[in-house]
Amino acid sequence: MIGELITAILPLSSDDGAIWLLAAGPAGGVATYWAVHRYYRNTDKSHHFERDTIIEGQPVQGGEDKVGHISKTRDSGIDGDNSGNFRQRVQRVQ
């Protein structure tokens, strides 16, 4: 039985066009996977971040003046606040 199967497959494998066509599918899949992996990983274009982007530290520049400080406000609420009036905030759907 196995001998008959082998003799049936051998004439099919003698046609080189069919073998190349069958091999093109997996080879194309591997090539596509490799190309996408290289595109997104950029392994051939990587650099050492710490070495290539060295910046010397400098002292902080600026003053210590406070700007825009609001203190001792008497009105802690907002004008027109309707948080206490639930019926005004939430309207019934008609």
PDB file of N, CA and C in Angstrom:
ATOM      1  N   MET A   1       0.820  -1.192   0.000  1.00  0.00           N
ATOM      2  CA  MET A   1       0.000   0.000   0.000  1.00  0.00           C
ATOM      3  C   MET A   1       0.867   1.261   0.000  1.00  0.00           C
ATOM      4  N   ILE A   2       1.897   1.281   0.820  1.00  0.00           N
ATOM      5  CA  ILE A   2       2.779   2.446   0.855  1.00  0.00           C
ATOM      6  C   ILE A   2       3.534   2.567  -0.464  1.00  0.00           C
ATOM      7  N   GLY A   3       3.921   1.422  -1.033  1.00  0.00           N
ATOM      8  CA  GLY A   3       4.611   1.437  -2.320  1.00  0.00           C
ATOM      9  C   GLY A   3       3.743   2.027  -3.412  1.00  0.00           C
ATOM     10  N   GLU A   4       2.456   1.688  -3.379  1.00  0.00           N
ATOM     11  CA  GLU A   4       1.538   2.243  -4.376  1.00  0.00           C
ATOM     12  C   GLU A   4       1.388   3.760  -4.205  1.00  0.00           C
ATOM     13  N   LEU A   5       1.358   4.196  -2.959  1.00  0.00           N
ATOM     14  CA  LEU A   5       1.240   5.626  -2.677  1.00  0.00           C
ATOM     15  C   LEU A   5       2.472   6.378  -3.175  1.00  0.00           C
ATOM     16  N   ILE A   6       3.647   5.805  -2.936  1.00  0.00           N
ATOM     17  CA  ILE A   6       4.887   6.450  -3.381  1.00  0.00           C
ATOM     18  C   ILE A   6       4.947   6.506  -4.898  1.00  0.00           C
ATOM     19  N   THR A   7       4.559   5.401  -5.554  1.00  0.00           N
ATOM     20  CA  THR A   7       4.582   5.411  -7.023  1.00  0.00           C
ATOM     21  C   THR A   7       3.539   6.371  -7.592  1.00  0.00           C
ATOM     22  N   ALA A   8       2.475   6.630  -6.852  1.00  0.00           N
ATOM     23  CA  ALA A   8       1.469   7.586  -7.314  1.00  0.00           C
ATOM     24  C   ALA A   8       1.953   9.026  -7.132  1.00  0.00           C
ATOM     25  N   ILE A   9       2.761   9.270  -6.100  1.00  0.00           N
ATOM     26  CA  ILE A   9       3.241  10.626  -5.817  1.00  0.00           C
ATOM     27  C   ILE A   9       4.438  10.990  -6.690  1.00  0.00           C
ATOM     28  N   LEU A  10       5.296  10.031  -7.014  1.00  0.00           N
ATOM     29  CA  LEU A  10       6.505  10.315  -7.792  1.00  0.00           C
ATOM     30  C   LEU A  10       6.225  10.966  -9.142  1.00  0.00           C
ATOM     31  N   PRO A  11       5.258  10.490  -9.917  1.00  0.00           N
ATOM     32  CA  PRO A  11       5.009  11.195 -11.188  1.00  0.00           C
ATOM     33  C   PRO A  11       4.553  12.637 -10.978  1.00  0.00           C
ATOM     34  N   LEU A  12       3.860  12.908  -9.882  1.00  0.00           N
ATOM     35  CA  LEU A  12       3.423  14.284  -9.612  1.00  0.00           C
ATOM     36  C   LEU A  12       4.599  15.179  -9.252  1.00  0.00           C
ATOM     37  N   SER A  13       5.606  14.609  -8.572  1.00  0.00           N
ATOM     38  CA  SER A  13       6.735  15.418  -8.137  1.00  0.00           C
ATOM     39  C   SER A  13       7.733  15.671  -9.252  1.00  0.00           C
ATOM     40  N   SER A  14       7.600  14.989 -10.375  1.00  0.00           N
ATOM     41  CA  SER A  14       8.537  15.220 -11.475  1.00  0.00           C
ATOM     42  C   SER A  14       8.273  16.550 -12.176  1.00  0.00           C
ATOM     43  N   ASP A  15       7.095  17.104 -11.998  1.00  0.00           N
ATOM     44  CA  ASP A  15       6.768  18.400 -12.590  1.00  0.00           C
ATOM     45  C   ASP A  15       7.326  19.495 -11.682  1.00  0.00           C
ATOM     46  N   ASP A  16       8.396  20.167 -12.111  1.00  0.00           N
ATOM     47  CA  ASP A  16       9.062  21.160 -11.262  1.00  0.00           C
ATOM     48  C   ASP A  16       8.208  22.402 -11.022  1.00  0.00           C
ATOM     49  N   GLY A  17       7.322  22.717 -11.934  1.00  0.00           N
ATOM     50  CA  GLY A  17       6.484  23.900 -11.766  1.00  0.00           C
ATOM     51  C   GLY A  17       5.557  23.791 -10.575  1.00  0.00           C
ATOM     52  N   ALA A  18       5.006  22.601 -10.356  1.00  0.00           N
ATOM     53  CA  ALA A  18       4.100  22.412  -9.226  1.00  0.00           C
ATOM     54  C   ALA A  18       4.842  22.498  -7.908  1.00  0.00           C
ATOM     55  N   ILE A  19       6.060  21.973  -7.864  1.00  0.00           N
ATOM     56  CA  ILE A  19       6.837  22.021  -6.621  1.00  0.00           C
ATOM     57  C   ILE A  19       7.197  23.465  -6.289  1.00  0.00           C
ATOM     58  N   TRP A  20       7.631  24.229  -7.275  1.00  0.00           N
ATOM     59  CA  TRP A  20       7.972  25.624  -7.016  1.00  0.00           C
ATOM     60  C   TRP A  20       6.747  26.429  -6.603  1.00  0.00           C
ATOM     61  N   LEU A  21       5.627  26.106  -7.164  1.00  0.00           N
ATOM     62  CA  LEU A  21       4.396  26.799  -6.803  1.00  0.00           C
ATOM     63  C   LEU A  21       3.998  26.479  -5.365  1.00  0.00           C
ATOM     64  N   LEU A  22       4.144  25.213  -4.983  1.00  0.00           N
ATOM     65  CA  LEU A  22       3.830  24.827  -3.608  1.00  0.00           C
ATOM     66  C   LEU A  22       4.835  25.406  -2.619  1.00  0.00           C
ATOM     67  N   ALA A  23       6.086  25.523  -3.010  1.00  0.00           N
ATOM     68  CA  ALA A  23       7.108  26.068  -2.112  1.00  0.00           C
ATOM     69  C   ALA A  23       7.021  27.587  -2.012  1.00  0.00           C
ATOM     70  N   ALA A  24       6.410  28.230  -2.993  1.00  0.00           N
ATOM     71  CA  ALA A  24       6.330  29.692  -2.989  1.00  0.00           C
ATOM     72  C   ALA A  24       5.434  30.210  -1.871  1.00  0.00           C
ATOM     73  N   GLY A  25       4.407  29.457  -1.506  1.00  0.00           N
ATOM     74  CA  GLY A  25       3.496  29.903  -0.445  1.00  0.00           C
ATOM     75  C   GLY A  25       4.188  30.064   0.896  1.00  0.00           C
ATOM     76  N   PRO A  26       4.793  28.990   1.441  1.00  0.00           N
ATOM     77  CA  PRO A  26       5.490  29.132   2.725  1.00  0.00           C
ATOM     78  C   PRO A  26       6.675  30.097   2.657  1.00  0.00           C
ATOM     79  N   ALA A  27       7.389  30.095   1.528  1.00  0.00           N
ATOM     80  CA  ALA A  27       8.529  31.011   1.404  1.00  0.00           C
ATOM     81  C   ALA A  27       8.050  32.462   1.405  1.00  0.00           C
ATOM     82  N   GLY A  28       6.944  32.733   0.739  1.00  0.00           N
ATOM     83  CA  GLY A  28       6.390  34.088   0.744  1.00  0.00           C
ATOM     84  C   GLY A  28       5.898  34.497   2.119  1.00  0.00           C
ATOM     85  N   GLY A  29       5.317  33.552   2.846  1.00  0.00           N
ATOM     86  CA  GLY A  29       4.861  33.843   4.206  1.00  0.00           C
ATOM     87  C   GLY A  29       6.017  34.181   5.126  1.00  0.00           C
ATOM     88  N   VAL A  30       7.089  33.401   5.036  1.00  0.00           N
ATOM     89  CA  VAL A  30       8.271  33.662   5.868  1.00  0.00           C
ATOM     90  C   VAL A  30       8.890  35.007   5.500  1.00  0.00           C
ATOM     91  N   ALA A  31       8.981  35.306   4.216  1.00  0.00           N
ATOM     92  CA  ALA A  31       9.561  36.580   3.783  1.00  0.00           C
ATOM     93  C   ALA A  31       8.715  37.763   4.246  1.00  0.00           C
ATOM     94  N   THR A  32       7.405  37.636   4.186  1.00  0.00           N
ATOM     95  CA  THR A  32       6.517  38.711   4.645  1.00  0.00           C
ATOM     96  C   THR A  32       6.645  38.920   6.145  1.00  0.00           C
ATOM     97  N   TYR A  33       6.672  37.816   6.901  1.00  0.00           N
ATOM     98  CA  TYR A  33       6.822  37.915   8.357  1.00  0.00           C
ATOM     99  C   TYR A  33       8.143  38.595   8.705  1.00  0.00           C
ATOM    100  N   TRP A  34       9.214  38.207   8.034  1.00  0.00           N
ATOM    101  CA  TRP A  34      10.531  38.777   8.306  1.00  0.00           C
ATOM    102  C   TRP A  34      10.549  40.273   7.977  1.00  0.00           C
ATOM    103  N   ALA A  35       9.949  40.657   6.853  1.00  0.00           N
ATOM    104  CA  ALA A  35       9.940  42.067   6.452  1.00  0.00           C
ATOM    105  C   ALA A  35       9.137  42.918   7.428  1.00  0.00           C
ATOM    106  N   VAL A  36       7.986  42.432   7.857  1.00  0.00           N
ATOM    107  CA  VAL A  36       7.166  43.187   8.816  1.00  0.00           C
ATOM    108  C   VAL A  36       7.877  43.280  10.154  1.00  0.00           C
ATOM    109  N   HIS A  37       8.518  42.196  10.575  1.00  0.00           N
ATOM    110  CA  HIS A  37       9.249  42.210  11.842  1.00  0.00           C
ATOM    111  C   HIS A  37      10.384  43.228  11.801  1.00  0.00           C
ATOM    112  N   ARG A  38      11.140  43.255  10.716  1.00  0.00           N
ATOM    113  CA  ARG A  38      12.230  44.225  10.589  1.00  0.00           C
ATOM    114  C   ARG A  38      11.705  45.648  10.527  1.00  0.00           C
ATOM    115  N   TYR A  39      10.577  45.858   9.855  1.00  0.00           N
ATOM    116  CA  TYR A  39      10.014  47.202   9.715  1.00  0.00           C
ATOM    117  C   TYR A  39       9.592  47.762  11.071  1.00  0.00           C
ATOM    118  N   TYR A  40       8.933  46.953  11.885  1.00  0.00           N
ATOM    119  CA  TYR A  40       8.423  47.456  13.158  1.00  0.00           C
ATOM    120  C   TYR A  40       9.453  47.429  14.266  1.00  0.00           C
ATOM    121  N   ARG A  41      10.416  46.527  14.212  1.00  0.00           N
ATOM    122  CA  ARG A  41      11.420  46.458  15.267  1.00  0.00           C
ATOM    123  C   ARG A  41      12.597  47.384  15.010  1.00  0.00           C
ATOM    124  N   ASN A  42      12.879  47.696  13.745  1.00  0.00           N
ATOM    125  CA  ASN A  42      14.009  48.554  13.376  1.00  0.00           C
ATOM    126  C   ASN A  42      15.309  48.087  14.018  1.00  0.00           C
ATOM    127  N   THR A  43      15.532  46.773  14.033  1.00  0.00           N
ATOM    128  CA  THR A  43      16.727  46.255  14.683  1.00  0.00           C
ATOM    129  C   THR A  43      17.995  46.654  13.947  1.00  0.00           C
ATOM    130  N   ASP A  44      17.902  46.937  12.677  1.00  0.00           N
ATOM    131  CA  ASP A  44      19.098  47.333  11.951  1.00  0.00           C
ATOM    132  C   ASP A  44      19.386  48.825  12.082  1.00  0.00           C
ATOM    133  N   LYS A  45      18.467  49.593  12.647  1.00  0.00           N
ATOM    134  CA  LYS A  45      18.641  51.034  12.770  1.00  0.00           C
ATOM    135  C   LYS A  45      18.708  51.491  14.226  1.00  0.00           C
ATOM    136  N   SER A  46      18.843  50.563  15.145  1.00  0.00           N
ATOM    137  CA  SER A  46      18.813  50.944  16.554  1.00  0.00           C
ATOM    138  C   SER A  46      20.111  51.647  16.949  1.00  0.00           C
ATOM    139  N   HIS A  47      20.048  52.423  17.990  1.00  0.00           N
ATOM    140  CA  HIS A  47      21.221  53.103  18.510  1.00  0.00           C
ATOM    141  C   HIS A  47      21.184  53.015  20.030  1.00  0.00           C
ATOM    142  N   HIS A  48      22.278  53.370  20.642  1.00  0.00           N
ATOM    143  CA  HIS A  48      22.343  53.371  22.098  1.00  0.00           C
ATOM    144  C   HIS A  48      21.869  54.735  22.582  1.00  0.00           C
ATOM    145  N   PHE A  49      20.686  54.780  23.169  1.00  0.00           N
ATOM    146  CA  PHE A  49      20.061  56.045  23.538  1.00  0.00           C
ATOM    147  C   PHE A  49      20.920  56.816  24.533  1.00  0.00           C
ATOM    148  N   GLU A  50      21.419  56.136  25.554  1.00  0.00           N
ATOM    149  CA  GLU A  50      22.187  56.825  26.587  1.00  0.00           C
ATOM    150  C   GLU A  50      23.489  57.392  26.032  1.00  0.00           C
ATOM    151  N   ARG A  51      24.107  56.696  25.093  1.00  0.00           N
ATOM    152  CA  ARG A  51      25.379  57.150  24.544  1.00  0.00           C
ATOM    153  C   ARG A  51      25.178  58.260  23.512  1.00  0.00           C
ATOM    154  N   ASP A  52      24.171  58.130  22.671  1.00  0.00           N
ATOM    155  CA  ASP A  52      23.993  59.065  21.564  1.00  0.00           C
ATOM    156  C   ASP A  52      23.262  60.346  21.948  1.00  0.00           C
ATOM    157  N   THR A  53      22.618  60.394  23.090  1.00  0.00           N
ATOM    158  CA  THR A  53      21.830  61.575  23.459  1.00  0.00           C
ATOM    159  C   THR A  53      22.314  62.183  24.771  1.00  0.00           C
ATOM    160  N   ILE A  54      23.617  62.274  24.940  1.00  0.00           N
ATOM    161  CA  ILE A  54      24.170  62.838  26.172  1.00  0.00           C
ATOM    162  C   ILE A  54      23.967  64.355  26.165  1.00  0.00           C
ATOM    163  N   ILE A  55      23.418  64.889  27.256  1.00  0.00           N
ATOM    164  CA  ILE A  55      23.209  66.323  27.425  1.00  0.00           C
ATOM    165  C   ILE A  55      23.822  66.711  28.765  1.00  0.00           C
ATOM    166  N   GLU A  56      24.649  67.725  28.740  1.00  0.00           N
ATOM    167  CA  GLU A  56      25.276  68.192  29.971  1.00  0.00           C
ATOM    168  C   GLU A  56      24.250  68.926  30.836  1.00  0.00           C
ATOM    169  N   GLY A  57      24.267  68.665  32.121  1.00  0.00           N
ATOM    170  CA  GLY A  57      23.360  69.332  33.048  1.00  0.00           C
ATOM    171  C   GLY A  57      23.770  70.777  33.281  1.00  0.00           C
ATOM    172  N   GLN A  58      22.791  71.649  33.450  1.00  0.00           N
ATOM    173  CA  GLN A  58      23.039  73.060  33.700  1.00  0.00           C
ATOM    174  C   GLN A  58      22.199  73.484  34.896  1.00  0.00           C
ATOM    175  N   PRO A  59      22.613  74.538  35.578  1.00  0.00           N
ATOM    176  CA  PRO A  59      21.820  75.002  36.710  1.00  0.00           C
ATOM    177  C   PRO A  59      20.467  75.556  36.261  1.00  0.00           C
ATOM    178  N   VAL A  60      19.509  75.478  37.142  1.00  0.00           N
ATOM    179  CA  VAL A  60      18.161  75.954  36.844  1.00  0.00           C
ATOM    180  C   VAL A  60      18.173  77.470  36.767  1.00  0.00           C
ATOM    181  N   GLN A  61      17.501  78.021  35.765  1.00  0.00           N
ATOM    182  CA  GLN A  61      17.434  79.467  35.603  1.00  0.00           C
ATOM    183  C   GLN A  61      16.024  79.936  35.927  1.00  0.00           C
ATOM    184  N   GLY A  62      15.924  81.071  36.576  1.00  0.00           N
ATOM    185  CA  GLY A  62      14.618  81.627  36.896  1.00  0.00           C
ATOM    186  C   GLY A  62      14.614  82.207  38.294  1.00  0.00           C
ATOM    187  N   GLY A  63      13.536  82.884  38.610  1.00  0.00           N
ATOM    188  CA  GLY A  63      13.420  83.496  39.921  1.00  0.00           C
ATOM    189  C   GLY A  63      12.491  82.705  40.821  1.00  0.00           C
ATOM    190  N   GLU A  64      12.298  83.243  42.013  1.00  0.00           N
ATOM    191  CA  GLU A  64      11.424  82.587  42.968  1.00  0.00           C
ATOM    192  C   GLU A  64      10.216  83.448  43.295  1.00  0.00           C
ATOM    193  N   ASP A  65       9.753  84.258  42.356  1.00  0.00           N
ATOM    194  CA  ASP A  65       8.593  85.106  42.581  1.00  0.00           C
ATOM    195  C   ASP A  65       7.330  84.298  42.348  1.00  0.00           C
ATOM    196  N   LYS A  66       6.369  84.439  43.280  1.00  0.00           N
ATOM    197  CA  LYS A  66       5.085  83.765  43.109  1.00  0.00           C
ATOM    198  C   LYS A  66       4.241  84.546  42.126  1.00  0.00           C
ATOM    199  N   VAL A  67       3.591  83.837  41.227  1.00  0.00           N
ATOM    200  CA  VAL A  67       2.788  84.494  40.207  1.00  0.00           C
ATOM    201  C   VAL A  67       1.386  83.919  40.239  1.00  0.00           C
ATOM    202  N   GLY A  68       0.379  84.776  40.265  1.00  0.00           N
ATOM    203  CA  GLY A  68      -1.006  84.345  40.150  1.00  0.00           C
ATOM    204  C   GLY A  68      -1.544  83.613  41.364  1.00  0.00           C
ATOM    205  N   HIS A  69      -1.122  83.980  42.570  1.00  0.00           N
ATOM    206  CA  HIS A  69      -1.609  83.310  43.774  1.00  0.00           C
ATOM    207  C   HIS A  69      -2.875  84.004  44.276  1.00  0.00           C
ATOM    208  N   ILE A  70      -3.930  83.235  44.480  1.00  0.00           N
ATOM    209  CA  ILE A  70      -5.181  83.780  44.999  1.00  0.00           C
ATOM    210  C   ILE A  70      -5.327  83.297  46.434  1.00  0.00           C
ATOM    211  N   SER A  71      -5.475  84.244  47.346  1.00  0.00           N
ATOM    212  CA  SER A  71      -5.612  83.852  48.750  1.00  0.00           C
ATOM    213  C   SER A  71      -6.789  84.590  49.382  1.00  0.00           C
ATOM    214  N   LYS A  72      -7.292  84.037  50.446  1.00  0.00           N
ATOM    215  CA  LYS A  72      -8.369  84.614  51.255  1.00  0.00           C
ATOM    216  C   LYS A  72      -9.611  84.913  50.424  1.00  0.00           C
ATOM    217  N   THR A  73     -10.045  83.976  49.614  1.00  0.00           N
ATOM    218  CA  THR A  73     -11.279  84.184  48.858  1.00  0.00           C
ATOM    219  C   THR A  73     -12.458  83.943  49.779  1.00  0.00           C
ATOM    220  N   ARG A  74     -13.472  84.776  49.672  1.00  0.00           N
ATOM    221  CA  ARG A  74     -14.650  84.639  50.524  1.00  0.00           C
ATOM    222  C   ARG A  74     -15.731  83.817  49.846  1.00  0.00           C
ATOM    223  N   ASP A  75     -15.815  83.895  48.530  1.00  0.00           N
ATOM    224  CA  ASP A  75     -16.848  83.171  47.811  1.00  0.00           C
ATOM    225  C   ASP A  75     -16.242  81.879  47.272  1.00  0.00           C
ATOM    226  N   SER A  76     -16.525  80.763  47.943  1.00  0.00           N
ATOM    227  CA  SER A  76     -15.930  79.496  47.522  1.00  0.00           C
ATOM    228  C   SER A  76     -16.738  78.824  46.416  1.00  0.00           C
ATOM    229  N   GLY A  77     -17.939  79.315  46.140  1.00  0.00           N
ATOM    230  CA  GLY A  77     -18.766  78.710  45.102  1.00  0.00           C
ATOM    231  C   GLY A  77     -18.607  79.418  43.769  1.00  0.00           C
ATOM    232  N   ILE A  78     -19.330  78.916  42.786  1.00  0.00           N
ATOM    233  CA  ILE A  78     -19.309  79.490  41.450  1.00  0.00           C
ATOM    234  C   ILE A  78     -20.652  80.156  41.209  1.00  0.00           C
ATOM    235  N   ASP A  79     -20.635  81.351  40.596  1.00  0.00           N
ATOM    236  CA  ASP A  79     -21.879  82.039  40.292  1.00  0.00           C
ATOM    237  C   ASP A  79     -22.716  81.194  39.341  1.00  0.00           C
ATOM    238  N   GLY A  80     -24.001  81.054  39.615  1.00  0.00           N
ATOM    239  CA  GLY A  80     -24.889  80.269  38.770  1.00  0.00           C
ATOM    240  C   GLY A  80     -24.816  78.780  39.046  1.00  0.00           C
ATOM    241  N   ASP A  81     -24.259  78.387  40.173  1.00  0.00           N
ATOM    242  CA  ASP A  81     -24.132  76.967  40.512  1.00  0.00           C
ATOM    243  C   ASP A  81     -25.515  76.368  40.739  1.00  0.00           C
ATOM    244  N   ASN A  82     -25.816  75.243  40.110  1.00  0.00           N
ATOM    245  CA  ASN A  82     -27.119  74.607  40.286  1.00  0.00           C
ATOM    246  C   ASN A  82     -26.987  73.193  40.850  1.00  0.00           C
ATOM    247  N   SER A  83     -25.947  72.946  41.624  1.00  0.00           N
ATOM    248  CA  SER A  83     -25.751  71.606  42.169  1.00  0.00           C
ATOM    249  C   SER A  83     -26.810  71.254  43.207  1.00  0.00           C
ATOM    250  N   GLY A  84     -27.430  72.256  43.842  1.00  0.00           N
ATOM    251  CA  GLY A  84     -28.457  71.971  44.835  1.00  0.00           C
ATOM    252  C   GLY A  84     -29.837  71.766  44.231  1.00  0.00           C
ATOM    253  N   ASN A  85     -30.048  72.177  42.996  1.00  0.00           N
ATOM    254  CA  ASN A  85     -31.351  72.078  42.362  1.00  0.00           C
ATOM    255  C   ASN A  85     -31.316  70.960  41.314  1.00  0.00           C
ATOM    256  N   PHE A  86     -31.667  69.760  41.751  1.00  0.00           N
ATOM    257  CA  PHE A  86     -31.590  68.589  40.886  1.00  0.00           C
ATOM    258  C   PHE A  86     -32.549  68.690  39.710  1.00  0.00           C
ATOM    259  N   ARG A  87     -33.754  69.200  39.944  1.00  0.00           N
ATOM    260  CA  ARG A  87     -34.756  69.275  38.874  1.00  0.00           C
ATOM    261  C   ARG A  87     -34.331  70.227  37.761  1.00  0.00           C
ATOM    262  N   GLN A  88     -33.561  71.240  38.085  1.00  0.00           N
ATOM    263  CA  GLN A  88     -33.098  72.174  37.067  1.00  0.00           C
ATOM    264  C   GLN A  88     -31.945  71.564  36.257  1.00  0.00           C
ATOM    265  N   ARG A  89     -31.084  70.787  36.906  1.00  0.00           N
ATOM    266  CA  ARG A  89     -29.936  70.193  36.219  1.00  0.00           C
ATOM    267  C   ARG A  89     -30.343  69.067  35.291  1.00  0.00           C
ATOM    268  N   VAL A  90     -31.222  68.183  35.753  1.00  0.00           N
ATOM    269  CA  VAL A  90     -31.588  66.994  34.986  1.00  0.00           C
ATOM    270  C   VAL A  90     -32.997  67.177  34.457  1.00  0.00           C
ATOM    271  N   GLN A  91     -33.097  67.327  33.161  1.00  0.00           N
ATOM    272  CA  GLN A  91     -34.403  67.502  32.533  1.00  0.00           C
ATOM    273  C   GLN A  91     -34.972  66.143  32.147  1.00  0.00           C
ATOM    274  N   ARG A  92     -36.263  66.005  32.287  1.00  0.00           N
ATOM    275  CA  ARG A  92     -36.931  64.758  31.923  1.00  0.00           C
ATOM    276  C   ARG A  92     -37.005  64.644  30.404  1.00  0.00           C
ATOM    277  N   VAL A  93     -36.760  63.447  29.879  1.00  0.00           N
ATOM    278  CA  VAL A  93     -36.809  63.216  28.443  1.00  0.00           C
ATOM    279  C   VAL A  93     -38.261  63.147  28.019  1.00  0.00           C
ATOM    280  N   GLN A  94     -38.644  63.939  27.030  1.00  0.00           N
ATOM    281  CA  GLN A  94     -40.038  63.985  26.571  1.00  0.00           C
ATOM    282  C   GLN A  94     -40.259  63.014  25.453  1.00  0.00           C
TER     283      GLN A  94
END
